[in-house]
Amino acid sequence: MIYLVSIARFIYHKNEVVILIEVDMPRVNNLIKGPLAKELIEELGGMCEAARICDIASSSVASWSKIGVPRARVMYLKLKFPKLNVWKKVHEEI
């Protein structure tokens, strides 16, 4: 994948020049949102259990129903728990 450089800034830090390059990266689609995200959380055993499984804060899991479950988490959970019913309702492109 090719990333286009959008901005290059020079930052002086302790008499050294550090070049910070910001790139335009494509947004990752969150595949499971809303009711499906809530169903996934329930099947995992609730918000706290889902957070423990993914080794993240429960506040991050709470945001899944609004912004969606990140693709990396979906892929991890699908591999770890392949028999969850929610996978039958999600696109096969995961």
C-alpha atoms as a PDB file:
ATOM      1  CA  MET A   1       0.000   0.000   0.000  1.00  0.00           C
ATOM      2  CA  ILE A   2       1.270   3.452  -0.843  1.00  0.00           C
ATOM      3  CA  TYR A   3       0.838   6.287   1.622  1.00  0.00           C
ATOM      4  CA  LEU A   4       0.945   9.853   0.408  1.00  0.00           C
ATOM      5  CA  VAL A   5       2.943  12.266   2.496  1.00  0.00           C
ATOM      6  CA  SER A   6       0.775  15.236   3.342  1.00  0.00           C
ATOM      7  CA  ILE A   7       2.926  17.316   5.678  1.00  0.00           C
ATOM      8  CA  ALA A   8       6.548  17.293   6.725  1.00  0.00           C
ATOM      9  CA  ARG A   9       7.568  19.388   9.733  1.00  0.00           C
ATOM     10  CA  PHE A  10      10.977  20.036  11.175  1.00  0.00           C
ATOM     11  CA  ILE A  11      11.158  19.961  14.942  1.00  0.00           C
ATOM     12  CA  TYR A  12      14.183  21.036  16.917  1.00  0.00           C
ATOM     13  CA  HIS A  13      14.763  18.866  19.962  1.00  0.00           C
ATOM     14  CA  LYS A  14      17.906  19.276  22.102  1.00  0.00           C
ATOM     15  CA  ASN A  15      19.909  20.832  19.258  1.00  0.00           C
ATOM     16  CA  GLU A  16      18.929  18.043  16.852  1.00  0.00           C
ATOM     17  CA  VAL A  17      16.624  18.290  13.900  1.00  0.00           C
ATOM     18  CA  VAL A  18      13.843  15.734  13.931  1.00  0.00           C
ATOM     19  CA  ILE A  19      11.647  15.405  10.866  1.00  0.00           C
ATOM     20  CA  LEU A  20       8.063  14.505  11.604  1.00  0.00           C
ATOM     21  CA  ILE A  21       6.207  13.202   8.582  1.00  0.00           C
ATOM     22  CA  GLU A  22       2.461  12.929   8.778  1.00  0.00           C
ATOM     23  CA  VAL A  23       0.818  10.633   6.280  1.00  0.00           C
ATOM     24  CA  ASP A  24      -2.683  10.332   4.948  1.00  0.00           C
ATOM     25  CA  MET A  25      -3.650   6.847   6.042  1.00  0.00           C
ATOM     26  CA  PRO A  26      -6.892   5.237   4.989  1.00  0.00           C
ATOM     27  CA  ARG A  27      -9.510   4.963   7.722  1.00  0.00           C
ATOM     28  CA  VAL A  28     -10.078   1.433   8.906  1.00  0.00           C
ATOM     29  CA  ASN A  29     -13.677   0.357   8.616  1.00  0.00           C
ATOM     30  CA  ASN A  30     -15.239  -0.842  11.817  1.00  0.00           C
ATOM     31  CA  LEU A  31     -17.247  -3.825  10.643  1.00  0.00           C
ATOM     32  CA  ILE A  32     -19.555  -4.445  13.574  1.00  0.00           C
ATOM     33  CA  LYS A  33     -21.632  -1.521  14.838  1.00  0.00           C
ATOM     34  CA  GLY A  34     -24.785  -0.852  16.840  1.00  0.00           C
ATOM     35  CA  PRO A  35     -26.944  -3.868  17.690  1.00  0.00           C
ATOM     36  CA  LEU A  36     -24.379  -6.342  16.343  1.00  0.00           C
ATOM     37  CA  ALA A  37     -21.670  -4.840  18.558  1.00  0.00           C
ATOM     38  CA  LYS A  38     -23.988  -5.097  21.557  1.00  0.00           C
ATOM     39  CA  GLU A  39     -24.746  -8.718  20.672  1.00  0.00           C
ATOM     40  CA  LEU A  40     -21.032  -9.488  20.371  1.00  0.00           C
ATOM     41  CA  ILE A  41     -20.377  -7.953  23.799  1.00  0.00           C
ATOM     42  CA  GLU A  42     -23.211  -9.997  25.310  1.00  0.00           C
ATOM     43  CA  GLU A  43     -21.950 -13.226  23.738  1.00  0.00           C
ATOM     44  CA  LEU A  44     -18.476 -12.560  25.125  1.00  0.00           C
ATOM     45  CA  GLY A  45     -19.932 -12.321  28.629  1.00  0.00           C
ATOM     46  CA  GLY A  46     -20.509  -8.603  29.038  1.00  0.00           C
ATOM     47  CA  MET A  47     -18.489  -5.436  28.860  1.00  0.00           C
ATOM     48  CA  CYS A  48     -15.961  -6.266  31.581  1.00  0.00           C
ATOM     49  CA  GLU A  49     -15.331  -9.761  30.243  1.00  0.00           C
ATOM     50  CA  ALA A  50     -14.907  -8.473  26.669  1.00  0.00           C
ATOM     51  CA  ALA A  51     -12.416  -5.903  27.959  1.00  0.00           C
ATOM     52  CA  ARG A  52     -10.512  -8.596  29.848  1.00  0.00           C
ATOM     53  CA  ILE A  53     -10.413 -10.870  26.789  1.00  0.00           C
ATOM     54  CA  CYS A  54      -9.053  -8.068  24.591  1.00  0.00           C
ATOM     55  CA  ASP A  55      -6.808  -6.649  27.332  1.00  0.00           C
ATOM     56  CA  ILE A  56      -8.288  -3.162  26.987  1.00  0.00           C
ATOM     57  CA  ALA A  57     -10.251  -0.760  29.164  1.00  0.00           C
ATOM     58  CA  SER A  58     -13.965  -1.374  29.573  1.00  0.00           C
ATOM     59  CA  SER A  59     -14.567   2.193  28.353  1.00  0.00           C
ATOM     60  CA  SER A  60     -13.116   1.138  24.998  1.00  0.00           C
ATOM     61  CA  VAL A  61     -15.564  -1.747  24.808  1.00  0.00           C
ATOM     62  CA  ALA A  62     -18.389   0.642  25.741  1.00  0.00           C
ATOM     63  CA  SER A  63     -17.581   2.743  22.675  1.00  0.00           C
ATOM     64  CA  TRP A  64     -17.926  -0.245  20.330  1.00  0.00           C
ATOM     65  CA  SER A  65     -21.702   0.076  20.043  1.00  0.00           C
ATOM     66  CA  LYS A  66     -21.356   3.715  18.917  1.00  0.00           C
ATOM     67  CA  ILE A  67     -18.245   3.764  16.737  1.00  0.00           C
ATOM     68  CA  GLY A  68     -18.003   0.061  15.968  1.00  0.00           C
ATOM     69  CA  VAL A  69     -15.639  -2.751  16.843  1.00  0.00           C
ATOM     70  CA  PRO A  70     -12.201  -2.155  15.280  1.00  0.00           C
ATOM     71  CA  ARG A  71     -11.319  -4.554  12.468  1.00  0.00           C
ATOM     72  CA  ALA A  72      -8.298  -5.932  14.356  1.00  0.00           C
ATOM     73  CA  ARG A  73     -10.469  -6.794  17.374  1.00  0.00           C
ATOM     74  CA  VAL A  74     -13.069  -8.460  15.153  1.00  0.00           C
ATOM     75  CA  MET A  75     -10.423 -10.592  13.477  1.00  0.00           C
ATOM     76  CA  TYR A  76      -8.891 -11.566  16.846  1.00  0.00           C
ATOM     77  CA  LEU A  77     -12.254 -12.422  18.394  1.00  0.00           C
ATOM     78  CA  LYS A  78     -13.357 -14.371  15.342  1.00  0.00           C
ATOM     79  CA  LEU A  79     -10.230 -16.520  15.585  1.00  0.00           C
ATOM     80  CA  LYS A  80     -10.501 -16.967  19.349  1.00  0.00           C
ATOM     81  CA  PHE A  81     -14.272 -17.582  19.424  1.00  0.00           C
ATOM     82  CA  PRO A  82     -15.277 -18.958  15.993  1.00  0.00           C
ATOM     83  CA  LYS A  83     -18.591 -20.422  17.179  1.00  0.00           C
ATOM     84  CA  LEU A  84     -20.274 -17.191  18.322  1.00  0.00           C
ATOM     85  CA  ASN A  85     -23.698 -16.660  16.749  1.00  0.00           C
ATOM     86  CA  VAL A  86     -22.906 -13.049  15.852  1.00  0.00           C
ATOM     87  CA  TRP A  87     -20.444 -14.174  13.158  1.00  0.00           C
ATOM     88  CA  LYS A  88     -23.353 -15.590  11.132  1.00  0.00           C
ATOM     89  CA  LYS A  89     -24.711 -12.042  10.827  1.00  0.00           C
ATOM     90  CA  VAL A  90     -21.434 -10.373   9.829  1.00  0.00           C
ATOM     91  CA  HIS A  91     -20.071 -10.172   6.298  1.00  0.00           C
ATOM     92  CA  GLU A  92     -17.674 -12.909   5.283  1.00  0.00           C
ATOM     93  CA  GLU A  93     -14.977 -10.393   4.330  1.00  0.00           C
ATOM     94  CA  ILE A  94     -13.575 -10.398   7.860  1.00  0.00           C
END
